Amino acid sequence: TMLYGTVETIEERVEHLLALRELQSRTGGFQAFIPLAFHNEGNRMKNLPSPTAADDLRVLAMSRILLNNIPNIKA
């Protein structure tokens, strides 16, 4: 599971996905990847905006392209 939409940059998201792909290539240990959008309600980070629907689609698309060696990408 990767939480996104807080303070990370798009470049950091891509770096994270590339690191996961490399780890999966070496170990084969992941059965699924779940992108989890940050929700700002009810926590101390309520001043941050939540990810948009476009952000959600971008993360899902990047995940499906970059993590072609992980069998399940959850939407």
PDB file of N, CA and C in Angstrom:
ATOM      1  N   THR A   1       0.843  -1.176   0.000  1.00  0.00           N
ATOM      2  CA  THR A   1       0.000   0.000   0.000  1.00  0.00           C
ATOM      3  C   THR A   1       0.887   1.238   0.000  1.00  0.00           C
ATOM      4  N   MET A   2       0.543   2.199  -0.850  1.00  0.00           N
ATOM      5  CA  MET A   2       1.268   3.464  -0.883  1.00  0.00           C
ATOM      6  C   MET A   2       0.279   4.599  -0.653  1.00  0.00           C
ATOM      7  N   LEU A   3       0.453   5.315   0.468  1.00  0.00           N
ATOM      8  CA  LEU A   3      -0.352   6.496   0.729  1.00  0.00           C
ATOM      9  C   LEU A   3       0.205   7.636  -0.111  1.00  0.00           C
ATOM     10  N   TYR A   4      -0.663   8.334  -0.822  1.00  0.00           N
ATOM     11  CA  TYR A   4      -0.217   9.464  -1.635  1.00  0.00           C
ATOM     12  C   TYR A   4      -1.157  10.640  -1.435  1.00  0.00           C
ATOM     13  N   GLY A   5      -0.633  11.833  -1.757  1.00  0.00           N
ATOM     14  CA  GLY A   5      -1.445  13.025  -1.702  1.00  0.00           C
ATOM     15  C   GLY A   5      -1.225  13.874  -0.471  1.00  0.00           C
ATOM     16  N   THR A   6      -0.113  13.658   0.238  1.00  0.00           N
ATOM     17  CA  THR A   6       0.169  14.505   1.399  1.00  0.00           C
ATOM     18  C   THR A   6       1.207  15.553   0.998  1.00  0.00           C
ATOM     19  N   VAL A   7       2.461  15.280   1.258  1.00  0.00           N
ATOM     20  CA  VAL A   7       3.508  16.277   1.009  1.00  0.00           C
ATOM     21  C   VAL A   7       4.518  15.823  -0.043  1.00  0.00           C
ATOM     22  N   GLU A   8       4.334  14.636  -0.608  1.00  0.00           N
ATOM     23  CA  GLU A   8       5.302  14.126  -1.587  1.00  0.00           C
ATOM     24  C   GLU A   8       5.089  14.784  -2.949  1.00  0.00           C
ATOM     25  N   THR A   9       6.161  14.782  -3.737  1.00  0.00           N
ATOM     26  CA  THR A   9       6.079  15.310  -5.097  1.00  0.00           C
ATOM     27  C   THR A   9       5.729  14.176  -6.057  1.00  0.00           C
ATOM     28  N   ILE A  10       5.379  14.534  -7.267  1.00  0.00           N
ATOM     29  CA  ILE A  10       5.110  13.520  -8.288  1.00  0.00           C
ATOM     30  C   ILE A  10       6.378  12.709  -8.550  1.00  0.00           C
ATOM     31  N   GLU A  11       7.523  13.380  -8.550  1.00  0.00           N
ATOM     32  CA  GLU A  11       8.794  12.681  -8.754  1.00  0.00           C
ATOM     33  C   GLU A  11       9.034  11.650  -7.660  1.00  0.00           C
ATOM     34  N   GLU A  12       8.697  11.990  -6.425  1.00  0.00           N
ATOM     35  CA  GLU A  12       8.859  11.046  -5.320  1.00  0.00           C
ATOM     36  C   GLU A  12       7.912   9.859  -5.461  1.00  0.00           C
ATOM     37  N   ARG A  13       6.724  10.092  -5.961  1.00  0.00           N
ATOM     38  CA  ARG A  13       5.798   8.976  -6.206  1.00  0.00           C
ATOM     39  C   ARG A  13       6.383   8.019  -7.233  1.00  0.00           C
ATOM     40  N   VAL A  14       6.920   8.572  -8.315  1.00  0.00           N
ATOM     41  CA  VAL A  14       7.513   7.734  -9.364  1.00  0.00           C
ATOM     42  C   VAL A  14       8.719   6.976  -8.810  1.00  0.00           C
ATOM     43  N   GLU A  15       9.575   7.653  -8.042  1.00  0.00           N
ATOM     44  CA  GLU A  15      10.733   6.982  -7.436  1.00  0.00           C
ATOM     45  C   GLU A  15      10.289   5.821  -6.558  1.00  0.00           C
ATOM     46  N   HIS A  16       9.209   6.023  -5.803  1.00  0.00           N
ATOM     47  CA  HIS A  16       8.685   4.968  -4.937  1.00  0.00           C
ATOM     48  C   HIS A  16       8.230   3.764  -5.776  1.00  0.00           C
ATOM     49  N   LEU A  17       7.505   4.035  -6.855  1.00  0.00           N
ATOM     50  CA  LEU A  17       7.033   2.945  -7.712  1.00  0.00           C
ATOM     51  C   LEU A  17       8.203   2.211  -8.365  1.00  0.00           C
ATOM     52  N   LEU A  18       9.213   2.947  -8.787  1.00  0.00           N
ATOM     53  CA  LEU A  18      10.393   2.306  -9.393  1.00  0.00           C
ATOM     54  C   LEU A  18      11.133   1.446  -8.368  1.00  0.00           C
ATOM     55  N   ALA A  19      11.206   1.919  -7.128  1.00  0.00           N
ATOM     56  CA  ALA A  19      11.844   1.117  -6.071  1.00  0.00           C
ATOM     57  C   ALA A  19      11.047  -0.162  -5.815  1.00  0.00           C
ATOM     58  N   LEU A  20       9.721  -0.060  -5.819  1.00  0.00           N
ATOM     59  CA  LEU A  20       8.885  -1.255  -5.647  1.00  0.00           C
ATOM     60  C   LEU A  20       9.088  -2.245  -6.791  1.00  0.00           C
ATOM     61  N   ARG A  21       9.164  -1.720  -8.021  1.00  0.00           N
ATOM     62  CA  ARG A  21       9.370  -2.596  -9.177  1.00  0.00           C
ATOM     63  C   ARG A  21      10.695  -3.335  -9.064  1.00  0.00           C
ATOM     64  N   GLU A  22      11.743  -2.624  -8.657  1.00  0.00           N
ATOM     65  CA  GLU A  22      13.055  -3.252  -8.496  1.00  0.00           C
ATOM     66  C   GLU A  22      13.014  -4.315  -7.396  1.00  0.00           C
ATOM     67  N   LEU A  23      12.390  -3.994  -6.277  1.00  0.00           N
ATOM     68  CA  LEU A  23      12.287  -4.967  -5.183  1.00  0.00           C
ATOM     69  C   LEU A  23      11.493  -6.194  -5.615  1.00  0.00           C
ATOM     70  N   GLN A  24      10.416  -5.984  -6.361  1.00  0.00           N
ATOM     71  CA  GLN A  24       9.624  -7.116  -6.861  1.00  0.00           C
ATOM     72  C   GLN A  24      10.436  -7.971  -7.818  1.00  0.00           C
ATOM     73  N   SER A  25      11.258  -7.345  -8.647  1.00  0.00           N
ATOM     74  CA  SER A  25      12.101  -8.103  -9.582  1.00  0.00           C
ATOM     75  C   SER A  25      13.087  -8.989  -8.829  1.00  0.00           C
ATOM     76  N   ARG A  26      13.597  -8.474  -7.722  1.00  0.00           N
ATOM     77  CA  ARG A  26      14.579  -9.251  -6.948  1.00  0.00           C
ATOM     78  C   ARG A  26      13.944 -10.320  -6.077  1.00  0.00           C
ATOM     79  N   THR A  27      12.740 -10.057  -5.544  1.00  0.00           N
ATOM     80  CA  THR A  27      12.173 -10.970  -4.549  1.00  0.00           C
ATOM     81  C   THR A  27      10.910 -11.694  -4.989  1.00  0.00           C
ATOM     82  N   GLY A  28      10.106 -11.061  -5.846  1.00  0.00           N
ATOM     83  CA  GLY A  28       8.821 -11.652  -6.231  1.00  0.00           C
ATOM     84  C   GLY A  28       7.839 -11.733  -5.084  1.00  0.00           C
ATOM     85  N   GLY A  29       8.035 -10.933  -4.048  1.00  0.00           N
ATOM     86  CA  GLY A  29       7.248 -11.072  -2.826  1.00  0.00           C
ATOM     87  C   GLY A  29       5.907 -10.372  -2.795  1.00  0.00           C
ATOM     88  N   PHE A  30       5.669  -9.425  -3.685  1.00  0.00           N
ATOM     89  CA  PHE A  30       4.405  -8.689  -3.641  1.00  0.00           C
ATOM     90  C   PHE A  30       3.338  -9.413  -4.455  1.00  0.00           C
ATOM     91  N   GLN A  31       2.156  -9.545  -3.875  1.00  0.00           N
ATOM     92  CA  GLN A  31       1.017 -10.109  -4.589  1.00  0.00           C
ATOM     93  C   GLN A  31       0.094  -9.023  -5.115  1.00  0.00           C
ATOM     94  N   ALA A  32       0.149  -7.843  -4.486  1.00  0.00           N
ATOM     95  CA  ALA A  32      -0.742  -6.752  -4.896  1.00  0.00           C
ATOM     96  C   ALA A  32      -0.125  -5.414  -4.510  1.00  0.00           C
ATOM     97  N   PHE A  33      -0.565  -4.379  -5.217  1.00  0.00           N
ATOM     98  CA  PHE A  33      -0.214  -3.002  -4.894  1.00  0.00           C
ATOM     99  C   PHE A  33      -1.507  -2.228  -4.755  1.00  0.00           C
ATOM    100  N   ILE A  34      -1.606  -1.445  -3.671  1.00  0.00           N
ATOM    101  CA  ILE A  34      -2.821  -0.679  -3.409  1.00  0.00           C
ATOM    102  C   ILE A  34      -2.450   0.794  -3.245  1.00  0.00           C
ATOM    103  N   PRO A  35      -2.806   1.637  -4.216  1.00  0.00           N
ATOM    104  CA  PRO A  35      -2.611   3.072  -4.028  1.00  0.00           C
ATOM    105  C   PRO A  35      -3.719   3.622  -3.124  1.00  0.00           C
ATOM    106  N   LEU A  36      -3.329   4.299  -2.045  1.00  0.00           N
ATOM    107  CA  LEU A  36      -4.286   4.773  -1.049  1.00  0.00           C
ATOM    108  C   LEU A  36      -4.228   6.292  -0.985  1.00  0.00           C
ATOM    109  N   ALA A  37      -5.304   6.955  -1.372  1.00  0.00           N
ATOM    110  CA  ALA A  37      -5.365   8.417  -1.373  1.00  0.00           C
ATOM    111  C   ALA A  37      -5.505   8.962   0.044  1.00  0.00           C
ATOM    112  N   PHE A  38      -4.773  10.026   0.329  1.00  0.00           N
ATOM    113  CA  PHE A  38      -4.862  10.730   1.605  1.00  0.00           C
ATOM    114  C   PHE A  38      -6.204  11.451   1.700  1.00  0.00           C
ATOM    115  N   HIS A  39      -6.824  11.349   2.858  1.00  0.00           N
ATOM    116  CA  HIS A  39      -8.054  12.094   3.145  1.00  0.00           C
ATOM    117  C   HIS A  39      -7.790  12.984   4.346  1.00  0.00           C
ATOM    118  N   ASN A  40      -8.080  14.263   4.197  1.00  0.00           N
ATOM    119  CA  ASN A  40      -7.685  15.215   5.224  1.00  0.00           C
ATOM    120  C   ASN A  40      -8.688  15.407   6.363  1.00  0.00           C
ATOM    121  N   GLU A  41      -9.781  14.710   6.339  1.00  0.00           N
ATOM    122  CA  GLU A  41     -10.769  14.869   7.403  1.00  0.00           C
ATOM    123  C   GLU A  41     -10.327  14.137   8.668  1.00  0.00           C
ATOM    124  N   GLY A  42     -10.526  14.790   9.810  1.00  0.00           N
ATOM    125  CA  GLY A  42     -10.335  14.121  11.091  1.00  0.00           C
ATOM    126  C   GLY A  42      -8.899  13.826  11.470  1.00  0.00           C
ATOM    127  N   ASN A  43      -7.949  14.608  10.985  1.00  0.00           N
ATOM    128  CA  ASN A  43      -6.568  14.395  11.399  1.00  0.00           C
ATOM    129  C   ASN A  43      -5.839  15.733  11.462  1.00  0.00           C
ATOM    130  N   ARG A  44      -4.615  15.710  11.920  1.00  0.00           N
ATOM    131  CA  ARG A  44      -3.856  16.945  12.114  1.00  0.00           C
ATOM    132  C   ARG A  44      -3.395  17.581  10.806  1.00  0.00           C
ATOM    133  N   MET A  45      -3.553  16.891   9.716  1.00  0.00           N
ATOM    134  CA  MET A  45      -3.121  17.413   8.419  1.00  0.00           C
ATOM    135  C   MET A  45      -4.318  17.942   7.628  1.00  0.00           C
ATOM    136  N   LYS A  46      -5.335  18.387   8.333  1.00  0.00           N
ATOM    137  CA  LYS A  46      -6.567  18.833   7.680  1.00  0.00           C
ATOM    138  C   LYS A  46      -6.383  20.064   6.804  1.00  0.00           C
ATOM    139  N   ASN A  47      -5.262  20.778   6.989  1.00  0.00           N
ATOM    140  CA  ASN A  47      -5.008  21.949   6.156  1.00  0.00           C
ATOM    141  C   ASN A  47      -4.522  21.579   4.757  1.00  0.00           C
ATOM    142  N   LEU A  48      -4.141  20.325   4.540  1.00  0.00           N
ATOM    143  CA  LEU A  48      -3.703  19.885   3.214  1.00  0.00           C
ATOM    144  C   LEU A  48      -4.903  19.508   2.361  1.00  0.00           C
ATOM    145  N   PRO A  49      -4.863  19.828   1.070  1.00  0.00           N
ATOM    146  CA  PRO A  49      -5.968  19.408   0.197  1.00  0.00           C
ATOM    147  C   PRO A  49      -5.897  17.913  -0.082  1.00  0.00           C
ATOM    148  N   SER A  50      -7.032  17.299  -0.221  1.00  0.00           N
ATOM    149  CA  SER A  50      -7.069  15.881  -0.609  1.00  0.00           C
ATOM    150  C   SER A  50      -6.720  15.760  -2.087  1.00  0.00           C
ATOM    151  N   PRO A  51      -6.216  14.597  -2.516  1.00  0.00           N
ATOM    152  CA  PRO A  51      -5.948  14.396  -3.937  1.00  0.00           C
ATOM    153  C   PRO A  51      -7.229  14.520  -4.758  1.00  0.00           C
ATOM    154  N   THR A  52      -7.084  14.996  -5.974  1.00  0.00           N
ATOM    155  CA  THR A  52      -8.226  15.127  -6.877  1.00  0.00           C
ATOM    156  C   THR A  52      -8.469  13.807  -7.601  1.00  0.00           C
ATOM    157  N   ALA A  53      -9.576  13.727  -8.296  1.00  0.00           N
ATOM    158  CA  ALA A  53      -9.862  12.538  -9.109  1.00  0.00           C
ATOM    159  C   ALA A  53      -8.784  12.361 -10.178  1.00  0.00           C
ATOM    160  N   ALA A  54      -8.287  13.465 -10.722  1.00  0.00           N
ATOM    161  CA  ALA A  54      -7.206  13.390 -11.713  1.00  0.00           C
ATOM    162  C   ALA A  54      -5.936  12.815 -11.086  1.00  0.00           C
ATOM    163  N   ASP A  55      -5.631  13.199  -9.838  1.00  0.00           N
ATOM    164  CA  ASP A  55      -4.478  12.617  -9.131  1.00  0.00           C
ATOM    165  C   ASP A  55      -4.652  11.109  -8.980  1.00  0.00           C
ATOM    166  N   ASP A  56      -5.858  10.693  -8.592  1.00  0.00           N
ATOM    167  CA  ASP A  56      -6.140   9.264  -8.420  1.00  0.00           C
ATOM    168  C   ASP A  56      -5.898   8.500  -9.723  1.00  0.00           C
ATOM    169  N   LEU A  57      -6.391   9.040 -10.822  1.00  0.00           N
ATOM    170  CA  LEU A  57      -6.211   8.372 -12.115  1.00  0.00           C
ATOM    171  C   LEU A  57      -4.747   8.327 -12.529  1.00  0.00           C
ATOM    172  N   ARG A  58      -4.016   9.414 -12.272  1.00  0.00           N
ATOM    173  CA  ARG A  58      -2.588   9.432 -12.615  1.00  0.00           C
ATOM    174  C   ARG A  58      -1.811   8.377 -11.842  1.00  0.00           C
ATOM    175  N   VAL A  59      -2.065   8.288 -10.535  1.00  0.00           N
ATOM    176  CA  VAL A  59      -1.357   7.308  -9.712  1.00  0.00           C
ATOM    177  C   VAL A  59      -1.707   5.891 -10.157  1.00  0.00           C
ATOM    178  N   LEU A  60      -2.957   5.637 -10.434  1.00  0.00           N
ATOM    179  CA  LEU A  60      -3.364   4.310 -10.884  1.00  0.00           C
ATOM    180  C   LEU A  60      -2.728   3.976 -12.232  1.00  0.00           C
ATOM    181  N   ALA A  61      -2.725   4.929 -13.149  1.00  0.00           N
ATOM    182  CA  ALA A  61      -2.115   4.702 -14.465  1.00  0.00           C
ATOM    183  C   ALA A  61      -0.615   4.457 -14.341  1.00  0.00           C
ATOM    184  N   MET A  62       0.079   5.285 -13.553  1.00  0.00           N
ATOM    185  CA  MET A  62       1.521   5.086 -13.356  1.00  0.00           C
ATOM    186  C   MET A  62       1.796   3.719 -12.736  1.00  0.00           C
ATOM    187  N   SER A  63       0.955   3.331 -11.786  1.00  0.00           N
ATOM    188  CA  SER A  63       1.125   2.037 -11.127  1.00  0.00           C
ATOM    189  C   SER A  63       1.002   0.885 -12.119  1.00  0.00           C
ATOM    190  N   ARG A  64       0.003   0.954 -12.975  1.00  0.00           N
ATOM    191  CA  ARG A  64      -0.225  -0.124 -13.942  1.00  0.00           C
ATOM    192  C   ARG A  64       0.889  -0.212 -14.971  1.00  0.00           C
ATOM    193  N   ILE A  65       1.464   0.946 -15.334  1.00  0.00           N
ATOM    194  CA  ILE A  65       2.558   0.948 -16.304  1.00  0.00           C
ATOM    195  C   ILE A  65       3.856   0.481 -15.655  1.00  0.00           C
ATOM    196  N   LEU A  66       4.197   1.054 -14.499  1.00  0.00           N
ATOM    197  CA  LEU A  66       5.501   0.797 -13.896  1.00  0.00           C
ATOM    198  C   LEU A  66       5.570  -0.522 -13.133  1.00  0.00           C
ATOM    199  N   LEU A  67       4.450  -0.976 -12.596  1.00  0.00           N
ATOM    200  CA  LEU A  67       4.466  -2.193 -11.772  1.00  0.00           C
ATOM    201  C   LEU A  67       3.933  -3.385 -12.544  1.00  0.00           C
ATOM    202  N   ASN A  68       4.421  -3.547 -13.771  1.00  0.00           N
ATOM    203  CA  ASN A  68       3.949  -4.655 -14.606  1.00  0.00           C
ATOM    204  C   ASN A  68       4.386  -6.020 -14.072  1.00  0.00           C
ATOM    205  N   ASN A  69       5.239  -6.046 -13.072  1.00  0.00           N
ATOM    206  CA  ASN A  69       5.665  -7.323 -12.479  1.00  0.00           C
ATOM    207  C   ASN A  69       4.945  -7.650 -11.176  1.00  0.00           C
ATOM    208  N   ILE A  70       3.985  -6.830 -10.781  1.00  0.00           N
ATOM    209  CA  ILE A  70       3.148  -7.138  -9.618  1.00  0.00           C
ATOM    210  C   ILE A  70       1.791  -7.581 -10.153  1.00  0.00           C
ATOM    211  N   PRO A  71       1.331  -8.777  -9.776  1.00  0.00           N
ATOM    212  CA  PRO A  71       0.147  -9.353 -10.435  1.00  0.00           C
ATOM    213  C   PRO A  71      -1.159  -8.585 -10.265  1.00  0.00           C
ATOM    214  N   ASN A  72      -1.339  -7.875  -9.146  1.00  0.00           N
ATOM    215  CA  ASN A  72      -2.612  -7.209  -8.892  1.00  0.00           C
ATOM    216  C   ASN A  72      -2.403  -5.759  -8.508  1.00  0.00           C
ATOM    217  N   ILE A  73      -3.040  -4.854  -9.244  1.00  0.00           N
ATOM    218  CA  ILE A  73      -3.058  -3.442  -8.907  1.00  0.00           C
ATOM    219  C   ILE A  73      -4.500  -3.124  -8.513  1.00  0.00           C
ATOM    220  N   LYS A  74      -4.709  -2.742  -7.278  1.00  0.00           N
ATOM    221  CA  LYS A  74      -6.058  -2.483  -6.780  1.00  0.00           C
ATOM    222  C   LYS A  74      -6.475  -1.050  -7.076  1.00  0.00           C
ATOM    223  N   ALA A  75      -7.715  -0.880  -7.471  1.00  0.00           N
ATOM    224  CA  ALA A  75      -8.226   0.458  -7.754  1.00  0.00           C
ATOM    225  C   ALA A  75      -9.121   0.920  -6.618  1.00  0.00           C
TER     226      ALA A  75
END
